[in-house]
Amino acid sequence: HQVLRVRPTPQDDFFLLGGDSLLASEAVTRTLAVLGLDAALGSTLIRALLAAPTLESFTAAVRGVRGGTGGPAGGQEPAVDFAAETGLGYALPPAEGPAPNPHDPKDVLLTGASGFVGGFLLHRLLHATAARVHCPVRATSPAHARQRVRTALTRYGLHLDEADWQRVECFPGDLTQPRLGLDHERADALAQRLDLIVHNGARVNFLYPYQQLRPANVDGTREVVRIAARRRVPVHFVSTVAVVAGFGTAGVREVDEDLPPAHADGLTMGYAESKWVAEGVLRRAAEQGLPVAVYRPYEVTGDRTHGACNTETAICSLFKMIADTGLAPDIELPMDFVPVDHLAESLVHIATHRPADGRVYHLTNPRPAMLSDVLDRMRAAGFTLRTLPYDAWVAELVRHVAENPTSATAPFVSLCVDRSRTADMSVKEMYLKGTFPVLGRRNAEEALAGSGLHCPPVDSALLDRYLEYFFTSGYLTRPATGPGPASGTERIPGSGPVPGTEPVSAAEPMSGTAAASRTERSR
């Protein structure tokens, strides 16, 4: 009743009453808090709610975990053979029709254009090429689709003139549907004219298990391949470094871009698993002759000029938790930030200058920082912070979310309390320095050599720019004490005046939690 604002009957379906993944997270968080249950049971209850979303079934699942039985089926997700999941499921047809021209594209298909990365990719494609960009968007009409894309661009301070908009074609589409939700005629017409596909769309959710993300992230990739197949249109896929986390728990210290993916069983997060499988689907297509390239960015952050960030991410929720409580974990967590405009420029450059020959590109920052450096800049901005050992901080995190079930951090608690399947650590600890593998960058460096594109260091200037965006957008409240000393911690290089800190747009402050319910990619 508190979550949905209705009084359900025992047989009512949570999602048919208006529930979504954010509200599911809130319902589970409130349940754990009221009953005093271990936060580590949250993922079990989320899975139970997804599997049987009636009040009656959820009540039975809660009784099950309280009684120690784990609820229906023990609360465990079924074992998945991730290698088998990568099968393409069909043979590519013989190549026919005019060959695509990705180096001077006239028509580009871009998925996920209404998200954070997608907006910057659209902006870059329009400015770096003369192409018409076709954007399938979850929407009820072409006008609604266009409005969603316009809203995303405005939110992040991206502006297009009307001549640019004449080259943007937005239309309703759905990654979970055959042909991305297009009818046969429209899909065939699109397939006949494309020179390039940038597949950036995905369902981004760190709460849901693999099976829930499979339709959009895996089956959607297969549908993209279908559109590309007949004319062998190159597919450039935006993945994530999270797909290599299993190497770290397996003791592999370095992962080269050309190292075949493995250790999917060690990923322990449905989103990472779905991207790992999607990469595998594309490798199967490449084996049959489809041109493919895969991009694995690290933490995608605000643009270099204004610092406009997608605050609906796990890393931003961490900063907000620290700012709201004054408590930070004492962990060696790399801040490997890749500004979103650098990511977009790099991907479009590689896609239009290099063959899509199956290579993987690690788009990471050669000069990252650490969480302690972010804490230094927060102190310099006036925050009073203290650090706690990781376990003690997680306990404070759980307490904070129990008291604030709608907080930005709630959808991401599972990262800190869920345990790795293959190591004695939480999912978050899999990403700490010394556990997460060092990522090779040879392919990316070769592809960008001579382009003039360089990823800026994660220094004081960049971090201060991001903090200023958080303040001006309303995501964080500026400390009343104003800028102060860094409390005895060492400053990182490059501290000084910060240019480009004016407000980016008049967009409403973002909730910080919507990532859990976004279907199109916002990472």
Protein backbone atom coordinates (compact mmCIF):
# COMPACT_ATOMS: atom_id res chain seq x y z
CA HIS A 1 0.00 0.00 0.00
CA GLN A 2 2.83 2.44 0.87
CA VAL A 3 4.64 1.70 -2.38
CA LEU A 4 1.82 1.50 -4.95
CA ARG A 5 -0.66 3.80 -3.17
CA VAL A 6 -3.41 1.22 -3.66
CA ARG A 7 -4.77 -1.50 -1.41
CA PRO A 8 -4.12 -4.74 -3.32
CA THR A 9 -6.00 -8.00 -3.03
CA PRO A 10 -3.95 -11.17 -2.45
CA GLN A 11 -4.19 -12.10 -6.16
CA ASP A 12 -3.29 -8.68 -7.62
CA ASP A 13 -0.16 -8.54 -9.80
CA PHE A 14 2.39 -6.01 -8.49
CA PHE A 15 3.48 -4.95 -11.98
CA LEU A 16 -0.05 -4.71 -13.42
CA LEU A 17 -0.91 -2.33 -10.58
CA GLY A 18 1.83 0.03 -11.76
CA GLY A 19 4.88 -1.50 -10.15
CA ASP A 20 8.27 -1.29 -11.85
CA SER A 21 11.80 -2.24 -10.86
CA LEU A 22 12.29 0.89 -8.77
CA LEU A 23 9.11 0.27 -6.84
CA ALA A 24 10.01 -3.41 -6.52
CA SER A 25 13.27 -2.33 -4.91
CA GLU A 26 11.39 -0.04 -2.54
CA ALA A 27 8.86 -2.74 -1.64
CA VAL A 28 11.63 -5.23 -0.82
CA THR A 29 13.67 -2.62 1.08
CA ARG A 30 10.66 -1.67 3.20
CA THR A 31 9.91 -5.36 3.86
CA LEU A 32 13.45 -6.04 5.02
CA ALA A 33 13.43 -2.97 7.27
CA VAL A 34 10.04 -3.59 8.89
CA LEU A 35 10.77 -7.25 9.59
CA GLY A 36 14.41 -6.73 10.54
CA LEU A 37 15.65 -9.14 7.88
CA ASP A 38 19.22 -9.38 6.57
CA ALA A 39 19.75 -7.06 3.60
CA ALA A 40 21.50 -9.94 1.83
CA LEU A 41 18.03 -11.48 1.37
CA GLY A 42 17.02 -8.59 -0.89
CA SER A 43 18.04 -10.26 -4.15
CA THR A 44 16.19 -13.44 -3.15
CA LEU A 45 13.00 -11.46 -2.56
CA ILE A 46 13.40 -9.48 -5.79
CA ARG A 47 13.69 -12.76 -7.72
CA ALA A 48 10.65 -14.13 -5.89
CA LEU A 49 8.60 -11.03 -6.74
CA LEU A 50 9.60 -11.25 -10.41
CA ALA A 51 8.76 -14.96 -10.57
CA ALA A 52 5.36 -14.65 -8.85
CA PRO A 53 4.32 -10.99 -8.51
CA THR A 54 1.12 -11.36 -6.47
CA LEU A 55 0.83 -10.18 -2.88
CA GLU A 56 -0.05 -13.73 -1.86
CA SER A 57 3.07 -15.23 -3.47
CA PHE A 58 5.35 -12.48 -2.19
CA THR A 59 4.02 -13.01 1.34
CA ALA A 60 4.81 -16.72 1.02
CA ALA A 61 8.34 -15.89 -0.17
CA VAL A 62 8.87 -13.56 2.80
CA ARG A 63 7.64 -16.25 5.19
CA GLY A 64 10.05 -18.63 3.51
CA VAL A 65 13.13 -16.46 4.02
CA ARG A 66 12.06 -15.68 7.61
CA GLY A 67 11.82 -19.39 8.24
CA GLY A 68 15.20 -20.00 6.65
CA THR A 69 13.88 -21.97 3.68
CA GLY A 70 14.73 -19.28 1.13
CA GLY A 71 11.19 -19.20 -0.23
CA PRO A 72 10.07 -21.02 -3.39
CA ALA A 73 12.82 -23.02 -5.08
CA GLY A 74 15.14 -22.07 -2.25
CA GLY A 75 15.25 -18.51 -3.61
CA GLN A 76 18.05 -19.49 -5.94
CA GLU A 77 18.12 -18.50 -9.58
CA PRO A 78 18.40 -21.49 -11.90
CA ALA A 79 21.87 -22.37 -13.15
CA VAL A 80 22.60 -20.84 -16.56
CA ASP A 81 25.00 -22.29 -19.14
CA PHE A 82 26.31 -18.93 -20.32
CA ALA A 83 28.49 -20.41 -23.08
CA ALA A 84 25.45 -22.19 -24.54
CA GLU A 85 23.46 -18.96 -24.29
CA THR A 86 25.83 -17.30 -26.81
CA GLY A 87 24.51 -19.39 -29.70
CA LEU A 88 23.23 -17.21 -32.53
CA GLY A 89 20.41 -19.64 -33.25
CA TYR A 90 20.36 -19.19 -37.01
CA ALA A 91 22.72 -19.14 -39.98
CA LEU A 92 23.50 -15.82 -41.63
CA PRO A 93 22.01 -15.61 -45.13
CA PRO A 94 24.32 -15.29 -48.15
CA ALA A 95 25.64 -11.75 -48.48
CA GLU A 96 23.84 -9.75 -51.16
CA GLY A 97 22.93 -6.19 -52.12
CA PRO A 98 25.11 -3.08 -52.19
CA ALA A 99 28.05 -3.21 -49.80
CA PRO A 100 27.78 -0.83 -46.83
CA ASN A 101 30.19 2.12 -46.65
CA PRO A 102 30.96 2.61 -42.94
CA HIS A 103 33.82 5.05 -43.60
CA ASP A 104 31.44 7.60 -45.12
CA PRO A 105 28.06 6.43 -43.82
CA LYS A 106 24.83 7.77 -45.27
CA ASP A 107 22.55 5.83 -42.89
CA VAL A 108 23.33 4.70 -39.33
CA LEU A 109 21.17 2.71 -36.91
CA LEU A 110 21.70 3.81 -33.29
CA THR A 111 19.98 1.97 -30.45
CA GLY A 112 19.58 3.55 -27.02
CA ALA A 113 19.54 7.14 -28.32
CA SER A 114 17.32 8.33 -25.46
CA GLY A 115 19.91 7.42 -22.82
CA PHE A 116 23.03 9.15 -21.55
CA VAL A 117 25.67 7.53 -23.75
CA GLY A 118 23.18 7.31 -26.63
CA GLY A 119 22.56 11.05 -26.62
CA PHE A 120 26.27 11.80 -26.91
CA LEU A 121 26.69 9.14 -29.62
CA LEU A 122 23.85 10.71 -31.62
CA HIS A 123 25.37 14.17 -31.22
CA ARG A 124 28.79 12.93 -32.33
CA LEU A 125 27.46 10.93 -35.30
CA LEU A 126 25.67 14.02 -36.59
CA HIS A 127 28.73 16.22 -36.25
CA ALA A 128 31.37 13.76 -37.48
CA THR A 129 29.42 12.31 -40.43
CA ALA A 130 26.81 13.38 -42.98
CA ALA A 131 24.65 10.37 -42.09
CA ARG A 132 20.97 10.11 -41.39
CA VAL A 133 20.67 8.48 -37.96
CA HIS A 134 17.79 6.06 -37.35
CA CYS A 135 16.84 5.77 -33.66
CA PRO A 136 14.43 3.09 -32.39
CA VAL A 137 13.12 4.25 -29.02
CA ARG A 138 10.65 2.79 -26.54
CA ALA A 139 7.72 5.08 -27.29
CA THR A 140 4.06 5.13 -28.31
CA SER A 141 4.53 7.14 -31.53
CA PRO A 142 7.24 8.74 -33.68
CA ALA A 143 6.52 12.10 -32.01
CA HIS A 144 6.90 10.53 -28.57
CA ALA A 145 10.14 8.85 -29.64
CA ARG A 146 11.55 12.15 -30.92
CA GLN A 147 10.51 13.95 -27.74
CA ARG A 148 12.29 11.36 -25.58
CA VAL A 149 15.50 11.88 -27.56
CA ARG A 150 15.17 15.67 -27.44
CA THR A 151 14.64 15.52 -23.68
CA ALA A 152 17.78 13.43 -23.22
CA LEU A 153 19.90 15.81 -25.29
CA THR A 154 18.58 18.84 -23.41
CA ARG A 155 19.17 17.19 -20.05
CA TYR A 156 22.87 16.82 -20.81
CA GLY A 157 23.36 20.21 -22.44
CA LEU A 158 23.57 18.88 -26.02
CA HIS A 159 22.14 21.11 -28.71
CA LEU A 160 21.26 20.38 -32.33
CA ASP A 161 20.11 22.91 -34.88
CA GLU A 162 17.14 22.15 -37.11
CA ALA A 163 19.40 21.07 -39.99
CA ASP A 164 20.83 18.40 -37.69
CA TRP A 165 17.37 17.30 -36.56
CA GLN A 166 16.42 16.80 -40.21
CA ARG A 167 18.94 13.94 -40.22
CA VAL A 168 17.44 12.23 -37.14
CA GLU A 169 14.67 9.70 -37.62
CA CYS A 170 13.11 8.56 -34.34
CA PHE A 171 10.49 5.83 -34.26
CA PRO A 172 8.98 3.37 -31.77
CA GLY A 173 11.15 0.30 -31.24
CA ASP A 174 11.67 -2.39 -28.64
CA LEU A 175 14.80 -4.48 -28.12
CA THR A 176 12.72 -7.34 -26.72
CA GLN A 177 10.63 -7.75 -29.89
CA PRO A 178 11.37 -9.43 -33.25
CA ARG A 179 13.00 -6.96 -35.69
CA LEU A 180 13.23 -4.53 -32.74
CA GLY A 181 9.46 -4.11 -32.92
CA LEU A 182 9.43 -2.98 -36.56
CA ASP A 183 7.12 -4.49 -39.15
CA HIS A 184 8.68 -6.59 -41.92
CA GLU A 185 8.51 -3.83 -44.51
CA ARG A 186 10.15 -1.21 -42.33
CA ALA A 187 12.86 -3.55 -41.09
CA ASP A 188 13.68 -4.67 -44.63
CA ALA A 189 13.81 -1.09 -45.92
CA LEU A 190 16.15 -0.12 -43.10
CA ALA A 191 18.38 -3.14 -43.66
CA GLN A 192 18.72 -2.23 -47.35
CA ARG A 193 20.16 1.23 -46.69
CA LEU A 194 22.32 1.00 -43.54
CA ASP A 195 26.08 1.56 -43.66
CA LEU A 196 26.72 1.22 -39.93
CA ILE A 197 25.04 0.03 -36.73
CA VAL A 198 25.93 1.32 -33.27
CA HIS A 199 24.22 -1.02 -30.82
CA ASN A 200 24.23 0.88 -27.56
CA GLY A 201 20.75 0.09 -26.24
CA ALA A 202 20.36 -2.18 -23.23
CA ARG A 203 18.32 -2.68 -20.12
CA VAL A 204 20.57 -1.47 -17.31
CA ASN A 205 19.57 -2.94 -13.95
CA PHE A 206 21.82 -4.20 -11.15
CA LEU A 207 18.98 -5.82 -9.20
CA TYR A 208 17.50 -8.17 -11.78
CA PRO A 209 18.84 -11.63 -12.58
CA TYR A 210 20.07 -12.67 -16.02
CA GLN A 211 16.75 -14.17 -17.12
CA GLN A 212 14.99 -10.83 -16.66
CA LEU A 213 17.58 -8.92 -18.71
CA ARG A 214 18.02 -11.55 -21.42
CA PRO A 215 15.14 -10.41 -23.70
CA ALA A 216 16.48 -6.87 -24.16
CA ASN A 217 20.22 -7.41 -23.84
CA VAL A 218 20.74 -10.82 -25.48
CA ASP A 219 17.73 -11.42 -27.73
CA GLY A 220 17.86 -7.74 -28.73
CA THR A 221 21.44 -8.22 -29.91
CA ARG A 222 20.32 -11.19 -32.02
CA GLU A 223 17.67 -8.99 -33.63
CA VAL A 224 20.29 -6.34 -34.41
CA VAL A 225 22.35 -9.06 -36.10
CA ARG A 226 19.30 -10.06 -38.20
CA ILE A 227 19.00 -6.51 -39.51
CA ALA A 228 22.74 -6.36 -40.26
CA ALA A 229 23.10 -9.85 -41.68
CA ARG A 230 22.12 -9.79 -45.36
CA ARG A 231 24.35 -6.88 -46.39
CA ARG A 232 26.94 -7.56 -43.66
CA VAL A 233 26.47 -4.12 -42.09
CA PRO A 234 29.18 -3.57 -39.43
CA VAL A 235 27.86 -3.78 -35.85
CA HIS A 236 29.65 -1.72 -33.19
CA PHE A 237 28.57 -2.90 -29.74
CA VAL A 238 28.83 -0.93 -26.50
CA SER A 239 29.60 -3.45 -23.76
CA THR A 240 31.18 -2.89 -20.32
CA VAL A 241 34.37 -3.81 -18.47
CA ALA A 242 32.11 -5.67 -16.01
CA VAL A 243 32.23 -8.68 -18.38
CA VAL A 244 35.83 -9.39 -17.30
CA ALA A 245 35.18 -9.30 -13.52
CA GLY A 246 35.15 -13.10 -13.42
CA PHE A 247 38.80 -13.17 -14.47
CA GLY A 248 39.71 -11.28 -11.30
CA THR A 249 38.05 -13.72 -8.91
CA ALA A 250 39.71 -16.54 -10.88
CA GLY A 251 43.11 -14.99 -10.10
CA VAL A 252 43.88 -13.61 -13.57
CA ARG A 253 45.80 -10.39 -13.02
CA GLU A 254 45.74 -8.91 -16.54
CA VAL A 255 43.17 -9.10 -19.33
CA ASP A 256 44.28 -8.20 -22.83
CA GLU A 257 41.66 -7.00 -25.31
CA ASP A 258 42.20 -10.10 -27.45
CA LEU A 259 41.86 -12.58 -24.56
CA PRO A 260 38.80 -14.76 -25.20
CA PRO A 261 36.09 -14.05 -22.60
CA ALA A 262 35.72 -16.65 -19.85
CA HIS A 263 34.63 -17.10 -16.22
CA ALA A 264 31.04 -15.95 -16.75
CA ASP A 265 30.07 -17.98 -13.70
CA GLY A 266 32.11 -15.57 -11.59
CA LEU A 267 30.30 -12.40 -12.66
CA THR A 268 27.50 -12.75 -10.08
CA MET A 269 25.44 -9.90 -11.56
CA GLY A 270 22.68 -10.34 -14.13
CA TYR A 271 23.55 -7.21 -16.08
CA ALA A 272 27.21 -8.20 -16.53
CA GLU A 273 26.15 -11.74 -17.44
CA SER A 274 23.77 -10.44 -20.12
CA LYS A 275 26.48 -8.28 -21.67
CA TRP A 276 28.95 -11.20 -21.57
CA VAL A 277 26.45 -13.36 -23.45
CA ALA A 278 25.65 -10.56 -25.93
CA GLU A 279 29.35 -10.28 -26.74
CA GLY A 280 29.33 -14.03 -27.35
CA VAL A 281 26.35 -13.76 -29.69
CA LEU A 282 28.28 -11.20 -31.74
CA ARG A 283 31.35 -13.45 -31.83
CA ARG A 284 29.18 -16.24 -33.25
CA ALA A 285 27.91 -13.81 -35.90
CA ALA A 286 31.48 -12.68 -36.65
CA GLU A 287 32.50 -16.32 -37.17
CA GLN A 288 29.88 -16.41 -39.94
CA GLY A 289 31.23 -13.28 -41.59
CA LEU A 290 29.48 -10.32 -39.93
CA PRO A 291 31.78 -7.33 -39.29
CA VAL A 292 31.75 -6.68 -35.53
CA ALA A 293 33.59 -4.50 -33.02
CA VAL A 294 33.12 -4.45 -29.23
CA TYR A 295 33.79 -1.49 -26.93
CA ARG A 296 34.24 -1.97 -23.18
CA PRO A 297 34.24 1.38 -21.38
CA TYR A 298 35.00 1.65 -17.68
CA GLU A 299 32.93 4.10 -15.59
CA VAL A 300 31.27 6.47 -18.09
CA THR A 301 31.12 9.92 -16.49
CA GLY A 302 30.21 13.51 -17.33
CA ASP A 303 31.46 15.39 -20.36
CA ARG A 304 34.75 17.25 -20.19
CA THR A 305 33.37 20.76 -20.69
CA HIS A 306 30.41 20.97 -18.33
CA GLY A 307 30.64 17.77 -16.30
CA ALA A 308 27.06 16.81 -17.22
CA CYS A 309 26.65 13.37 -15.62
CA ASN A 310 24.10 10.62 -15.63
CA THR A 311 23.45 10.58 -11.89
CA GLU A 312 21.39 7.38 -12.20
CA THR A 313 24.42 5.13 -11.74
CA ALA A 314 25.97 3.06 -8.98
CA ILE A 315 29.05 5.30 -8.71
CA CYS A 316 26.95 8.46 -8.37
CA SER A 317 24.78 6.78 -5.75
CA LEU A 318 27.98 5.99 -3.83
CA PHE A 319 29.00 9.67 -3.89
CA LYS A 320 25.50 10.69 -2.75
CA MET A 321 25.53 8.17 0.08
CA ILE A 322 28.90 9.53 1.23
CA ALA A 323 27.70 13.14 0.99
CA ASP A 324 24.42 12.45 2.82
CA THR A 325 25.94 10.45 5.68
CA GLY A 326 29.48 11.83 5.96
CA LEU A 327 30.73 8.22 5.92
CA ALA A 328 32.91 6.57 3.29
CA PRO A 329 34.33 3.06 2.92
CA ASP A 330 38.07 2.71 3.39
CA ILE A 331 38.64 0.77 0.18
CA GLU A 332 41.00 0.96 -2.78
CA LEU A 333 38.31 1.47 -5.42
CA PRO A 334 39.65 2.74 -8.77
CA MET A 335 37.99 5.83 -10.22
CA ASP A 336 38.60 4.86 -13.85
CA PHE A 337 36.43 7.59 -15.37
CA VAL A 338 35.82 7.87 -19.11
CA PRO A 339 34.11 11.18 -19.96
CA VAL A 340 31.07 10.42 -22.10
CA ASP A 341 32.07 12.80 -24.89
CA HIS A 342 35.49 11.12 -25.15
CA LEU A 343 33.77 7.73 -25.35
CA ALA A 344 31.43 8.94 -28.12
CA GLU A 345 34.24 10.58 -30.10
CA SER A 346 36.45 7.50 -29.79
CA LEU A 347 33.77 5.03 -30.83
CA VAL A 348 32.64 7.07 -33.84
CA HIS A 349 36.27 7.60 -34.91
CA ILE A 350 37.07 3.89 -34.75
CA ALA A 351 33.78 2.89 -36.40
CA THR A 352 34.41 5.20 -39.37
CA HIS A 353 38.18 4.69 -39.72
CA ARG A 354 38.88 1.05 -38.84
CA PRO A 355 37.49 -2.24 -40.12
CA ALA A 356 35.08 -4.02 -37.78
CA ASP A 357 37.27 -7.11 -37.65
CA GLY A 358 36.05 -8.60 -34.38
CA ARG A 359 38.41 -6.67 -32.14
CA VAL A 360 37.61 -5.57 -28.61
CA TYR A 361 38.54 -2.05 -27.51
CA HIS A 362 39.07 -1.28 -23.81
CA LEU A 363 38.08 2.36 -23.51
CA THR A 364 39.55 3.00 -20.09
CA ASN A 365 41.39 5.94 -18.57
CA PRO A 366 45.20 5.63 -18.67
CA ARG A 367 45.41 8.03 -15.70
CA PRO A 368 42.68 7.01 -13.22
CA ALA A 369 42.33 8.09 -9.60
CA MET A 370 41.15 6.30 -6.46
CA LEU A 371 38.14 6.79 -4.21
CA SER A 372 40.42 8.51 -1.67
CA ASP A 373 41.09 11.21 -4.29
CA VAL A 374 37.36 11.84 -4.67
CA LEU A 375 37.05 12.11 -0.88
CA ASP A 376 39.88 14.67 -0.95
CA ARG A 377 37.96 16.86 -3.42
CA MET A 378 34.72 16.45 -1.44
CA ARG A 379 36.51 17.65 1.69
CA ALA A 380 37.96 20.56 -0.26
CA ALA A 381 34.38 21.45 -1.27
CA GLY A 382 33.37 21.62 2.39
CA PHE A 383 32.19 18.11 3.27
CA THR A 384 33.16 16.64 6.63
CA LEU A 385 33.88 12.96 6.00
CA ARG A 386 35.27 10.01 7.89
CA THR A 387 36.15 6.56 6.62
CA LEU A 388 35.09 3.21 8.03
CA PRO A 389 36.30 -0.33 7.36
CA TYR A 390 34.29 -1.78 4.49
CA ASP A 391 32.12 -4.14 6.57
CA ALA A 392 31.25 -1.38 9.05
CA TRP A 393 30.42 1.00 6.20
CA VAL A 394 28.14 -1.59 4.55
CA ALA A 395 26.28 -1.91 7.84
CA GLU A 396 25.78 1.87 7.83
CA LEU A 397 24.68 1.71 4.19
CA VAL A 398 22.07 -0.92 5.01
CA ARG A 399 20.84 1.12 7.99
CA HIS A 400 20.63 4.30 5.88
CA VAL A 401 18.62 2.57 3.14
CA ALA A 402 16.31 0.93 5.70
CA GLU A 403 15.53 4.41 7.04
CA ASN A 404 15.30 5.90 3.54
CA PRO A 405 13.74 3.23 1.25
CA THR A 406 13.43 5.65 -1.68
CA SER A 407 17.06 6.82 -1.52
CA ALA A 408 19.27 6.87 -4.60
CA THR A 409 21.37 4.12 -3.05
CA ALA A 410 18.58 1.58 -2.53
CA PRO A 411 18.75 -0.08 -6.00
CA PHE A 412 22.49 -0.64 -5.57
CA VAL A 413 22.67 -2.13 -2.07
CA SER A 414 22.78 -5.60 -3.63
CA LEU A 415 26.24 -4.82 -5.05
CA CYS A 416 27.56 -4.47 -1.51
CA VAL A 417 25.72 -7.34 0.18
CA ASP A 418 25.41 -10.03 -2.52
CA ARG A 419 28.29 -12.49 -2.38
CA SER A 420 30.38 -13.55 -5.35
CA ARG A 421 29.60 -17.07 -6.55
CA THR A 422 33.27 -17.92 -6.92
CA ALA A 423 35.04 -15.93 -4.17
CA ASP A 424 34.52 -14.91 -0.56
CA MET A 425 33.68 -11.28 -1.22
CA SER A 426 30.81 -9.01 -2.19
CA VAL A 427 30.19 -8.01 -5.80
CA LYS A 428 31.55 -4.50 -5.07
CA GLU A 429 34.80 -5.96 -3.70
CA MET A 430 35.34 -7.75 -7.03
CA TYR A 431 36.12 -4.30 -8.49
CA LEU A 432 38.76 -3.28 -5.95
CA LYS A 433 42.38 -2.72 -6.90
CA GLY A 434 44.27 -6.00 -6.66
CA THR A 435 41.19 -8.09 -7.45
CA PHE A 436 39.76 -6.58 -10.64
CA PRO A 437 42.25 -7.34 -13.43
CA VAL A 438 44.44 -4.75 -15.12
CA LEU A 439 43.01 -4.12 -18.59
CA GLY A 440 45.21 -3.98 -21.68
CA ARG A 441 44.58 -1.09 -24.07
CA ARG A 442 46.71 -1.91 -27.13
CA ASN A 443 43.85 -2.10 -29.64
CA ALA A 444 42.30 1.13 -28.42
CA GLU A 445 45.62 2.98 -28.45
CA GLU A 446 46.47 1.81 -31.96
CA ALA A 447 43.02 2.70 -33.28
CA LEU A 448 43.13 6.21 -31.78
CA ALA A 449 46.76 6.95 -32.66
CA GLY A 450 46.94 10.19 -34.65
CA SER A 451 43.28 11.02 -34.01
CA GLY A 452 43.99 13.78 -31.52
CA LEU A 453 41.60 12.09 -29.08
CA HIS A 454 43.00 11.77 -25.57
CA CYS A 455 41.18 10.76 -22.41
CA PRO A 456 41.72 13.46 -19.76
CA PRO A 457 43.27 12.38 -16.45
CA VAL A 458 41.06 11.95 -13.40
CA ASP A 459 42.62 14.95 -11.66
CA SER A 460 41.35 17.67 -9.35
CA ALA A 461 40.01 19.75 -12.22
CA LEU A 462 37.85 16.91 -13.58
CA LEU A 463 36.61 15.81 -10.15
CA ASP A 464 35.79 19.38 -9.14
CA ARG A 465 33.87 19.85 -12.38
CA TYR A 466 31.76 16.80 -11.60
CA LEU A 467 31.10 17.97 -8.05
CA GLU A 468 30.02 21.36 -9.34
CA TYR A 469 27.58 19.67 -11.71
CA PHE A 470 26.17 17.66 -8.81
CA PHE A 471 25.65 20.92 -6.90
CA THR A 472 24.16 22.98 -9.72
CA SER A 473 21.86 20.16 -10.85
CA GLY A 474 20.57 19.65 -7.31
CA TYR A 475 21.84 16.08 -7.03
CA LEU A 476 24.02 17.01 -4.05
CA THR A 477 23.48 19.84 -1.58
CA ARG A 478 26.44 22.19 -1.45
CA PRO A 479 27.92 22.14 2.08
CA ALA A 480 26.98 25.25 4.05
CA THR A 481 30.55 25.46 5.34
CA GLY A 482 31.86 26.16 1.83
CA PRO A 483 35.22 25.02 0.45
CA GLY A 484 37.66 23.96 3.09
CA PRO A 485 40.99 22.18 3.46
CA ALA A 486 41.42 18.61 2.36
CA SER A 487 41.67 17.45 6.01
CA GLY A 488 45.28 16.45 5.79
CA THR A 489 44.94 14.19 2.79
CA GLU A 490 47.26 14.64 -0.15
CA ARG A 491 45.86 16.59 -3.07
CA ILE A 492 45.94 14.99 -6.48
CA PRO A 493 47.74 16.78 -9.32
CA GLY A 494 46.04 19.55 -11.22
CA SER A 495 44.08 21.24 -8.44
CA GLY A 496 43.10 24.81 -9.19
CA PRO A 497 40.35 26.92 -10.70
CA VAL A 498 37.74 24.89 -12.55
CA PRO A 499 36.46 26.15 -15.91
CA GLY A 500 33.11 25.21 -17.37
CA THR A 501 31.20 24.89 -14.12
CA GLU A 502 28.10 26.82 -15.13
CA PRO A 503 24.76 24.99 -14.98
CA VAL A 504 24.28 22.77 -17.99
CA SER A 505 20.54 22.97 -18.47
CA ALA A 506 17.29 23.80 -16.76
CA ALA A 507 16.39 20.13 -16.50
CA GLU A 508 14.80 19.00 -13.27
CA PRO A 509 17.23 17.38 -10.80
CA MET A 510 17.29 13.66 -11.48
CA SER A 511 16.17 11.19 -8.84
CA GLY A 512 19.35 9.16 -8.92
CA THR A 513 17.44 5.89 -8.94
CA ALA A 514 15.83 5.65 -12.34
CA ALA A 515 18.60 3.46 -13.74
CA ALA A 516 16.92 0.45 -12.22
CA SER A 517 13.91 0.93 -14.48
CA ARG A 518 15.48 2.26 -17.66
CA THR A 519 15.12 -0.04 -20.66
CA GLU A 520 17.29 1.91 -23.04
CA ARG A 521 20.87 2.27 -22.11
CA SER A 522 21.73 5.06 -19.69
CA ARG A 523 25.18 3.87 -18.61
